[in-house]
């Protein structure tokens, strides 16, 4: 239970954040605004071309998919902040197929509303091809390689 003073401060802050027409000051939630701006950077990195996109792709992406990027101590603070909200951006994005070379087969949302790793976690666990593009799987006639034989249930999922 929050102390009375904290409740008053919290209620005042909520009032300040409410719209002007409702008697508030209309102050925006800065955390939400920051997340939305960082997600916009991710979108621009994927969809626009420019000098900063080239630099970031060569320095940090290095032919990796966004879903495989992790934080490192050698990264810049801005890049690490981008990585912290990566899950928000990836969750809301749907990929256009095209040639499939830039689509991560398991981690990107390209077939339906969920990535395949979320729809078929049991298949992903025993699959050898955890880091492969949609293009690669397509060129192999949609064959995946597994560590063991698939049960009837897993075969039906496949």
N, C-alpha and C. Protein backbone atom coordinates (compact mmCIF):
# COMPACT_ATOMS: atom_id res chain seq x y z
N UNK A 1 0.83 -1.17 0.00
CA UNK A 1 0.00 0.00 0.00
C UNK A 1 0.89 1.25 0.00
N UNK A 2 0.54 2.21 -0.86
CA UNK A 2 1.33 3.43 -0.96
C UNK A 2 1.00 4.39 0.18
N UNK A 3 2.00 5.08 0.74
CA UNK A 3 1.72 6.10 1.74
C UNK A 3 0.87 7.23 1.14
N UNK A 4 0.20 7.96 2.00
CA UNK A 4 -0.74 9.00 1.56
C UNK A 4 -0.04 10.06 0.72
N UNK A 5 1.17 10.45 1.09
CA UNK A 5 1.89 11.48 0.36
C UNK A 5 2.17 11.03 -1.08
N UNK A 6 2.61 9.76 -1.24
CA UNK A 6 2.88 9.25 -2.58
C UNK A 6 1.59 9.17 -3.39
N UNK A 7 0.49 8.82 -2.75
CA UNK A 7 -0.79 8.77 -3.46
C UNK A 7 -1.18 10.15 -3.97
N UNK A 8 -0.98 11.17 -3.13
CA UNK A 8 -1.31 12.54 -3.54
C UNK A 8 -0.45 12.97 -4.72
N UNK A 9 0.87 12.70 -4.65
CA UNK A 9 1.76 13.06 -5.75
C UNK A 9 1.37 12.33 -7.03
N UNK A 10 1.05 11.06 -6.90
CA UNK A 10 0.66 10.26 -8.06
C UNK A 10 -0.63 10.80 -8.65
N UNK A 11 -1.61 11.10 -7.83
CA UNK A 11 -2.88 11.64 -8.32
C UNK A 11 -2.68 13.00 -8.97
N UNK A 12 -1.83 13.86 -8.37
CA UNK A 12 -1.54 15.16 -8.97
C UNK A 12 -0.88 14.99 -10.34
N UNK A 13 0.08 14.07 -10.42
CA UNK A 13 0.76 13.84 -11.69
C UNK A 13 -0.22 13.34 -12.75
N UNK A 14 -1.12 12.44 -12.38
CA UNK A 14 -2.13 11.97 -13.33
C UNK A 14 -3.01 13.14 -13.79
N UNK A 15 -3.33 14.04 -12.88
CA UNK A 15 -4.13 15.20 -13.26
C UNK A 15 -3.36 16.10 -14.22
N UNK A 16 -2.07 16.29 -13.97
CA UNK A 16 -1.26 17.13 -14.84
C UNK A 16 -1.15 16.52 -16.24
N UNK A 17 -1.10 15.20 -16.30
CA UNK A 17 -0.97 14.53 -17.58
C UNK A 17 -2.27 14.52 -18.37
N UNK A 18 -3.39 14.67 -17.72
CA UNK A 18 -4.66 14.63 -18.44
C UNK A 18 -4.77 15.81 -19.40
N UNK A 19 -5.65 15.66 -20.36
CA UNK A 19 -5.79 16.68 -21.40
C UNK A 19 -6.27 18.01 -20.82
N UNK A 20 -5.96 19.08 -21.53
CA UNK A 20 -6.34 20.42 -21.06
C UNK A 20 -7.86 20.55 -20.95
N UNK A 21 -8.58 19.95 -21.87
CA UNK A 21 -10.04 20.08 -21.83
C UNK A 21 -10.64 19.37 -20.62
N UNK A 22 -9.86 18.47 -20.01
CA UNK A 22 -10.31 17.77 -18.80
C UNK A 22 -9.76 18.41 -17.53
N UNK A 23 -9.15 19.57 -17.64
CA UNK A 23 -8.64 20.28 -16.47
C UNK A 23 -7.18 20.03 -16.16
N UNK A 24 -6.49 19.27 -17.00
CA UNK A 24 -5.07 18.98 -16.76
C UNK A 24 -4.19 19.95 -17.52
N UNK A 25 -2.89 19.67 -17.48
CA UNK A 25 -1.92 20.51 -18.18
C UNK A 25 -1.54 19.96 -19.55
N UNK A 26 -1.94 18.72 -19.84
CA UNK A 26 -1.64 18.13 -21.14
C UNK A 26 -0.20 17.70 -21.31
N UNK A 27 0.49 17.39 -20.20
CA UNK A 27 1.89 16.96 -20.26
C UNK A 27 1.92 15.51 -20.76
N UNK A 28 2.76 15.26 -21.75
CA UNK A 28 2.88 13.93 -22.34
C UNK A 28 3.70 13.02 -21.43
N UNK A 29 3.44 11.71 -21.53
CA UNK A 29 4.23 10.72 -20.82
C UNK A 29 5.55 10.55 -21.57
N UNK A 30 6.65 11.01 -20.99
CA UNK A 30 7.94 11.03 -21.68
C UNK A 30 8.47 9.63 -21.98
N UNK A 31 8.18 8.66 -21.12
CA UNK A 31 8.63 7.29 -21.38
C UNK A 31 7.99 6.74 -22.66
N UNK A 32 6.70 6.96 -22.79
CA UNK A 32 6.00 6.50 -23.99
C UNK A 32 6.50 7.23 -25.23
N UNK A 33 6.72 8.51 -25.10
CA UNK A 33 7.22 9.29 -26.23
C UNK A 33 8.61 8.81 -26.65
N UNK A 34 9.48 8.53 -25.68
CA UNK A 34 10.83 8.05 -25.98
C UNK A 34 10.76 6.70 -26.68
N UNK A 35 9.92 5.80 -26.18
CA UNK A 35 9.78 4.48 -26.82
C UNK A 35 9.30 4.61 -28.26
N UNK A 36 8.33 5.49 -28.47
CA UNK A 36 7.81 5.64 -29.82
C UNK A 36 8.87 6.23 -30.76
N UNK A 37 9.67 7.18 -30.29
CA UNK A 37 10.73 7.73 -31.12
C UNK A 37 11.81 6.68 -31.42
N UNK A 38 12.16 5.86 -30.43
CA UNK A 38 13.15 4.82 -30.67
C UNK A 38 12.62 3.77 -31.64
N UNK A 39 11.34 3.43 -31.55
CA UNK A 39 10.74 2.50 -32.52
C UNK A 39 10.76 3.11 -33.92
N UNK A 40 10.56 4.40 -34.01
CA UNK A 40 10.62 5.08 -35.30
C UNK A 40 12.03 4.98 -35.88
N UNK A 41 13.05 5.06 -35.04
CA UNK A 41 14.43 4.88 -35.51
C UNK A 41 14.62 3.49 -36.09
N UNK A 42 14.08 2.46 -35.41
CA UNK A 42 14.17 1.10 -35.94
C UNK A 42 13.52 1.03 -37.32
N UNK A 43 12.33 1.64 -37.44
CA UNK A 43 11.62 1.60 -38.71
C UNK A 43 12.44 2.29 -39.80
N UNK A 44 13.00 3.46 -39.46
CA UNK A 44 13.81 4.17 -40.45
C UNK A 44 15.07 3.38 -40.83
N UNK A 45 15.63 2.67 -39.88
CA UNK A 45 16.80 1.86 -40.15
C UNK A 45 16.47 0.76 -41.17
N UNK A 46 15.28 0.20 -41.07
CA UNK A 46 14.89 -0.87 -41.99
C UNK A 46 14.35 -0.37 -43.33
N UNK A 47 13.70 0.78 -43.35
CA UNK A 47 12.95 1.17 -44.54
C UNK A 47 13.52 2.36 -45.31
N UNK A 48 14.41 3.11 -44.74
CA UNK A 48 14.96 4.27 -45.43
C UNK A 48 16.45 4.08 -45.68
N UNK A 49 16.96 4.85 -46.63
CA UNK A 49 18.39 4.79 -46.94
C UNK A 49 19.00 6.15 -46.68
N UNK A 50 20.18 6.12 -46.07
CA UNK A 50 20.89 7.36 -45.79
C UNK A 50 22.25 7.03 -45.20
N UNK A 51 22.99 8.07 -44.90
CA UNK A 51 24.35 7.88 -44.38
C UNK A 51 24.32 7.18 -43.02
N UNK A 52 23.45 7.65 -42.11
CA UNK A 52 23.45 7.05 -40.77
C UNK A 52 22.96 5.61 -40.81
N UNK A 53 22.05 5.27 -41.72
CA UNK A 53 21.61 3.88 -41.84
C UNK A 53 22.76 2.99 -42.31
N UNK A 54 23.53 3.47 -43.26
CA UNK A 54 24.68 2.69 -43.74
C UNK A 54 25.70 2.47 -42.63
N UNK A 55 25.99 3.52 -41.87
CA UNK A 55 26.97 3.41 -40.78
C UNK A 55 26.49 2.42 -39.73
N UNK A 56 25.25 2.55 -39.31
CA UNK A 56 24.71 1.67 -38.27
C UNK A 56 24.67 0.22 -38.76
N UNK A 57 24.26 0.01 -40.00
CA UNK A 57 24.19 -1.36 -40.53
C UNK A 57 25.57 -1.99 -40.58
N UNK A 58 26.57 -1.23 -40.99
CA UNK A 58 27.93 -1.78 -41.08
C UNK A 58 28.55 -1.99 -39.71
N UNK A 59 28.27 -1.09 -38.77
CA UNK A 59 28.90 -1.18 -37.46
C UNK A 59 28.20 -2.19 -36.54
N UNK A 60 26.86 -2.18 -36.53
CA UNK A 60 26.14 -2.97 -35.53
C UNK A 60 25.40 -4.18 -36.10
N UNK A 61 24.82 -4.06 -37.27
CA UNK A 61 24.03 -5.17 -37.79
C UNK A 61 24.90 -6.27 -38.40
N UNK A 62 25.85 -5.88 -39.22
CA UNK A 62 26.80 -6.82 -39.83
C UNK A 62 26.09 -8.05 -40.40
N UNK A 63 25.10 -7.83 -41.24
CA UNK A 63 24.33 -8.89 -41.91
C UNK A 63 23.53 -9.76 -40.94
N UNK A 64 23.28 -9.28 -39.74
CA UNK A 64 22.41 -9.99 -38.80
C UNK A 64 21.00 -9.44 -38.93
N UNK A 65 20.05 -10.22 -38.46
CA UNK A 65 18.68 -9.74 -38.38
C UNK A 65 18.51 -8.99 -37.08
N UNK A 66 17.56 -8.10 -37.05
CA UNK A 66 17.31 -7.31 -35.85
C UNK A 66 17.01 -8.21 -34.66
N UNK A 67 16.31 -9.30 -34.89
CA UNK A 67 15.91 -10.18 -33.78
C UNK A 67 17.10 -10.86 -33.11
N UNK A 68 18.27 -10.89 -33.75
CA UNK A 68 19.45 -11.57 -33.19
C UNK A 68 20.46 -10.62 -32.55
N UNK A 69 20.18 -9.33 -32.55
CA UNK A 69 21.12 -8.35 -32.01
C UNK A 69 21.00 -8.32 -30.49
N UNK A 70 22.14 -8.27 -29.81
CA UNK A 70 22.15 -8.21 -28.35
C UNK A 70 23.00 -7.03 -27.89
N UNK A 71 22.83 -6.68 -26.62
CA UNK A 71 23.62 -5.60 -26.05
C UNK A 71 25.05 -6.07 -25.79
N UNK A 72 25.99 -5.13 -26.01
CA UNK A 72 27.40 -5.40 -25.74
C UNK A 72 27.98 -4.17 -25.05
N UNK A 73 28.96 -4.36 -24.20
CA UNK A 73 29.58 -3.21 -23.54
C UNK A 73 30.26 -2.25 -24.52
N UNK A 74 30.68 -2.76 -25.68
CA UNK A 74 31.38 -1.91 -26.65
C UNK A 74 30.42 -1.04 -27.47
N UNK A 75 29.12 -1.29 -27.37
CA UNK A 75 28.14 -0.50 -28.11
C UNK A 75 28.03 0.90 -27.54
N UNK A 76 27.55 1.81 -28.36
CA UNK A 76 27.29 3.17 -27.88
C UNK A 76 26.05 3.15 -27.00
N UNK A 77 25.92 4.10 -26.09
CA UNK A 77 24.73 4.16 -25.22
C UNK A 77 23.42 4.31 -26.02
N UNK A 78 23.46 5.05 -27.11
CA UNK A 78 22.25 5.21 -27.93
C UNK A 78 21.85 3.88 -28.54
N UNK A 79 22.81 3.12 -29.05
CA UNK A 79 22.51 1.82 -29.65
C UNK A 79 21.97 0.86 -28.60
N UNK A 80 22.54 0.87 -27.41
CA UNK A 80 22.02 0.01 -26.34
C UNK A 80 20.60 0.41 -25.94
N UNK A 81 20.28 1.70 -25.96
CA UNK A 81 18.91 2.13 -25.70
C UNK A 81 17.96 1.62 -26.79
N UNK A 82 18.42 1.64 -28.02
CA UNK A 82 17.61 1.09 -29.11
C UNK A 82 17.37 -0.41 -28.91
N UNK A 83 18.39 -1.11 -28.49
CA UNK A 83 18.25 -2.56 -28.28
C UNK A 83 17.27 -2.85 -27.14
N UNK A 84 17.23 -1.99 -26.13
CA UNK A 84 16.31 -2.21 -25.01
C UNK A 84 14.85 -2.20 -25.44
N UNK A 85 14.50 -1.45 -26.46
CA UNK A 85 13.10 -1.40 -26.88
C UNK A 85 12.86 -2.21 -28.17
N UNK A 86 13.87 -2.94 -28.60
CA UNK A 86 13.77 -3.73 -29.83
C UNK A 86 12.57 -4.66 -29.79
N UNK A 87 12.29 -5.27 -28.64
CA UNK A 87 11.18 -6.23 -28.54
C UNK A 87 9.84 -5.57 -28.83
N UNK A 88 9.71 -4.29 -28.48
CA UNK A 88 8.46 -3.57 -28.77
C UNK A 88 8.31 -3.38 -30.27
N UNK A 89 9.38 -2.99 -30.92
CA UNK A 89 9.33 -2.77 -32.37
C UNK A 89 9.08 -4.09 -33.11
N UNK A 90 9.81 -5.13 -32.75
CA UNK A 90 9.69 -6.41 -33.45
C UNK A 90 8.30 -7.01 -33.25
N UNK A 91 7.73 -6.82 -32.07
CA UNK A 91 6.41 -7.37 -31.78
C UNK A 91 5.33 -6.78 -32.68
N UNK A 92 5.44 -5.51 -33.01
CA UNK A 92 4.41 -4.86 -33.78
C UNK A 92 4.65 -4.84 -35.28
N UNK A 93 5.70 -5.46 -35.75
CA UNK A 93 6.05 -5.35 -37.16
C UNK A 93 5.67 -6.63 -37.91
N UNK A 94 5.22 -6.44 -39.14
CA UNK A 94 4.91 -7.55 -40.04
C UNK A 94 5.76 -7.35 -41.28
N UNK A 95 6.40 -8.40 -41.74
CA UNK A 95 7.34 -8.31 -42.85
C UNK A 95 6.64 -8.53 -44.19
N UNK A 96 7.10 -7.81 -45.20
CA UNK A 96 6.71 -8.09 -46.58
C UNK A 96 7.69 -9.11 -47.12
N UNK A 97 7.16 -10.10 -47.83
CA UNK A 97 8.01 -11.21 -48.24
C UNK A 97 9.12 -10.81 -49.20
N UNK A 98 8.83 -10.27 -50.33
CA UNK A 98 9.88 -9.95 -51.29
C UNK A 98 10.65 -11.20 -51.66
N UNK A 99 11.98 -11.13 -51.66
CA UNK A 99 12.78 -12.32 -51.97
C UNK A 99 13.06 -13.18 -50.73
N UNK A 100 12.75 -12.69 -49.54
CA UNK A 100 12.89 -13.47 -48.32
C UNK A 100 14.27 -13.47 -47.71
N UNK A 101 15.23 -12.80 -48.32
CA UNK A 101 16.60 -12.81 -47.80
C UNK A 101 16.74 -12.02 -46.50
N UNK A 102 15.90 -11.02 -46.30
CA UNK A 102 16.00 -10.20 -45.09
C UNK A 102 15.00 -10.63 -44.01
N UNK A 103 14.36 -11.78 -44.19
CA UNK A 103 13.37 -12.24 -43.23
C UNK A 103 13.91 -13.45 -42.47
N UNK A 104 13.94 -13.34 -41.17
CA UNK A 104 14.33 -14.45 -40.30
C UNK A 104 13.15 -15.43 -40.24
N UNK A 105 13.38 -16.65 -40.67
CA UNK A 105 12.31 -17.64 -40.78
C UNK A 105 11.55 -17.83 -39.48
N UNK A 106 12.24 -17.94 -38.36
CA UNK A 106 11.59 -18.24 -37.08
C UNK A 106 11.16 -17.00 -36.31
N UNK A 107 11.94 -15.94 -36.33
CA UNK A 107 11.73 -14.82 -35.41
C UNK A 107 10.93 -13.65 -35.97
N UNK A 108 10.83 -13.53 -37.29
CA UNK A 108 10.06 -12.43 -37.87
C UNK A 108 8.62 -12.85 -38.12
N UNK A 109 7.72 -11.88 -38.07
CA UNK A 109 6.31 -12.14 -38.33
C UNK A 109 6.08 -11.99 -39.83
N UNK A 110 6.01 -13.10 -40.52
CA UNK A 110 5.82 -13.07 -41.97
C UNK A 110 4.64 -13.94 -42.40
N UNK A 111 4.19 -14.82 -41.54
CA UNK A 111 3.11 -15.75 -41.87
C UNK A 111 2.10 -15.70 -40.73
N UNK A 112 1.04 -14.93 -40.88
CA UNK A 112 0.08 -14.78 -39.80
C UNK A 112 0.44 -13.62 -38.90
N UNK A 113 -0.09 -13.65 -37.70
CA UNK A 113 0.10 -12.52 -36.78
C UNK A 113 1.17 -12.77 -35.72
N UNK A 114 1.76 -13.96 -35.70
CA UNK A 114 2.80 -14.30 -34.73
C UNK A 114 4.01 -14.86 -35.46
N UNK A 115 5.21 -14.66 -34.91
CA UNK A 115 6.37 -15.35 -35.48
C UNK A 115 6.25 -16.85 -35.27
N UNK A 116 6.89 -17.62 -36.12
CA UNK A 116 6.78 -19.08 -36.04
C UNK A 116 7.34 -19.63 -34.74
N UNK A 117 8.32 -18.96 -34.15
CA UNK A 117 8.88 -19.42 -32.88
C UNK A 117 7.81 -19.41 -31.78
N UNK A 118 6.89 -18.45 -31.84
CA UNK A 118 5.81 -18.38 -30.84
C UNK A 118 4.69 -19.36 -31.16
N UNK A 119 4.47 -19.63 -32.43
CA UNK A 119 3.39 -20.54 -32.82
C UNK A 119 3.80 -22.01 -32.65
N UNK A 120 5.09 -22.31 -32.90
CA UNK A 120 5.55 -23.69 -32.85
C UNK A 120 6.84 -23.82 -32.03
N UNK A 121 6.78 -23.55 -30.73
CA UNK A 121 8.02 -23.59 -29.92
C UNK A 121 8.65 -24.97 -29.85
N UNK A 122 7.85 -26.03 -29.89
CA UNK A 122 8.42 -27.38 -29.82
C UNK A 122 9.23 -27.70 -31.07
N UNK A 123 8.77 -27.28 -32.23
CA UNK A 123 9.54 -27.50 -33.45
C UNK A 123 10.83 -26.68 -33.43
N UNK A 124 10.75 -25.46 -32.94
CA UNK A 124 11.94 -24.61 -32.89
C UNK A 124 13.00 -25.22 -31.97
N UNK A 125 12.58 -25.79 -30.85
CA UNK A 125 13.53 -26.35 -29.89
C UNK A 125 14.38 -27.46 -30.49
N UNK A 126 13.83 -28.25 -31.39
CA UNK A 126 14.58 -29.39 -31.93
C UNK A 126 15.09 -29.14 -33.35
N UNK A 127 14.93 -27.93 -33.84
CA UNK A 127 15.35 -27.60 -35.20
C UNK A 127 16.83 -27.19 -35.23
N UNK A 128 17.55 -27.66 -36.25
CA UNK A 128 18.93 -27.25 -36.46
C UNK A 128 19.02 -25.85 -37.06
N UNK A 129 18.02 -25.48 -37.83
CA UNK A 129 18.04 -24.23 -38.58
C UNK A 129 17.41 -23.09 -37.78
N UNK A 130 18.04 -22.69 -36.70
CA UNK A 130 17.47 -21.63 -35.86
C UNK A 130 17.78 -20.24 -36.38
N UNK A 131 18.83 -20.10 -37.14
CA UNK A 131 19.20 -18.80 -37.73
C UNK A 131 19.27 -18.97 -39.24
N UNK A 132 18.11 -18.91 -39.87
CA UNK A 132 18.09 -19.03 -41.32
C UNK A 132 17.04 -18.08 -41.89
N UNK A 133 17.25 -17.70 -43.13
CA UNK A 133 16.31 -16.78 -43.77
C UNK A 133 15.18 -17.57 -44.43
N UNK A 134 14.13 -16.87 -44.71
CA UNK A 134 13.01 -17.47 -45.42
C UNK A 134 13.46 -17.92 -46.80
N UNK A 135 14.34 -17.16 -47.42
CA UNK A 135 14.88 -17.49 -48.73
C UNK A 135 15.61 -18.84 -48.71
N UNK A 136 16.40 -19.06 -47.68
CA UNK A 136 17.16 -20.31 -47.55
C UNK A 136 16.22 -21.50 -47.47
N UNK A 137 15.20 -21.41 -46.65
CA UNK A 137 14.25 -22.52 -46.49
C UNK A 137 13.48 -22.74 -47.79
N UNK A 138 13.12 -21.66 -48.45
CA UNK A 138 12.39 -21.76 -49.72
C UNK A 138 13.25 -22.47 -50.78
N UNK A 139 14.54 -22.14 -50.84
CA UNK A 139 15.45 -22.77 -51.81
C UNK A 139 15.64 -24.25 -51.54
N UNK A 140 15.41 -24.69 -50.31
CA UNK A 140 15.53 -26.11 -49.95
C UNK A 140 14.18 -26.82 -50.04
N UNK A 141 13.25 -26.27 -50.81
CA UNK A 141 11.91 -26.85 -50.95
C UNK A 141 11.21 -27.00 -49.62
N UNK A 142 11.38 -25.98 -48.76
CA UNK A 142 10.70 -25.89 -47.46
C UNK A 142 11.06 -27.05 -46.53
N UNK A 143 12.28 -27.57 -46.67
CA UNK A 143 12.74 -28.65 -45.78
C UNK A 143 13.52 -28.05 -44.62
N UNK A 144 13.16 -28.48 -43.42
CA UNK A 144 13.88 -28.11 -42.21
C UNK A 144 14.58 -29.35 -41.69
N UNK A 145 15.68 -29.16 -40.97
CA UNK A 145 16.42 -30.29 -40.40
C UNK A 145 16.27 -30.27 -38.89
N UNK A 146 15.98 -31.45 -38.33
CA UNK A 146 15.72 -31.58 -36.91
C UNK A 146 16.70 -32.55 -36.27
N UNK A 147 16.84 -32.44 -34.96
CA UNK A 147 17.77 -33.29 -34.20
C UNK A 147 17.26 -34.72 -34.06
N UNK A 148 15.97 -34.91 -34.21
CA UNK A 148 15.39 -36.25 -34.04
C UNK A 148 14.16 -36.38 -34.91
N UNK A 149 13.65 -37.61 -34.97
CA UNK A 149 12.42 -37.84 -35.72
C UNK A 149 11.27 -37.10 -35.04
N UNK A 150 10.35 -36.65 -35.84
CA UNK A 150 9.21 -35.91 -35.31
C UNK A 150 8.06 -36.86 -34.96
N UNK A 151 7.46 -36.59 -33.82
CA UNK A 151 6.27 -37.36 -33.45
C UNK A 151 5.13 -36.98 -34.41
N UNK A 152 4.05 -37.72 -34.34
CA UNK A 152 2.92 -37.45 -35.23
C UNK A 152 2.36 -36.04 -35.02
N UNK A 153 2.30 -35.62 -33.75
CA UNK A 153 1.81 -34.28 -33.45
C UNK A 153 2.71 -33.21 -34.06
N UNK A 154 4.04 -33.37 -33.93
CA UNK A 154 4.96 -32.40 -34.48
C UNK A 154 4.94 -32.41 -36.01
N UNK A 155 4.75 -33.59 -36.61
CA UNK A 155 4.63 -33.67 -38.06
C UNK A 155 3.40 -32.91 -38.55
N UNK A 156 2.31 -33.01 -37.80
CA UNK A 156 1.11 -32.26 -38.17
C UNK A 156 1.34 -30.75 -38.05
N UNK A 157 2.09 -30.32 -37.04
CA UNK A 157 2.41 -28.90 -36.90
C UNK A 157 3.26 -28.42 -38.07
N UNK A 158 4.20 -29.29 -38.48
CA UNK A 158 5.10 -28.94 -39.58
C UNK A 158 4.33 -28.82 -40.87
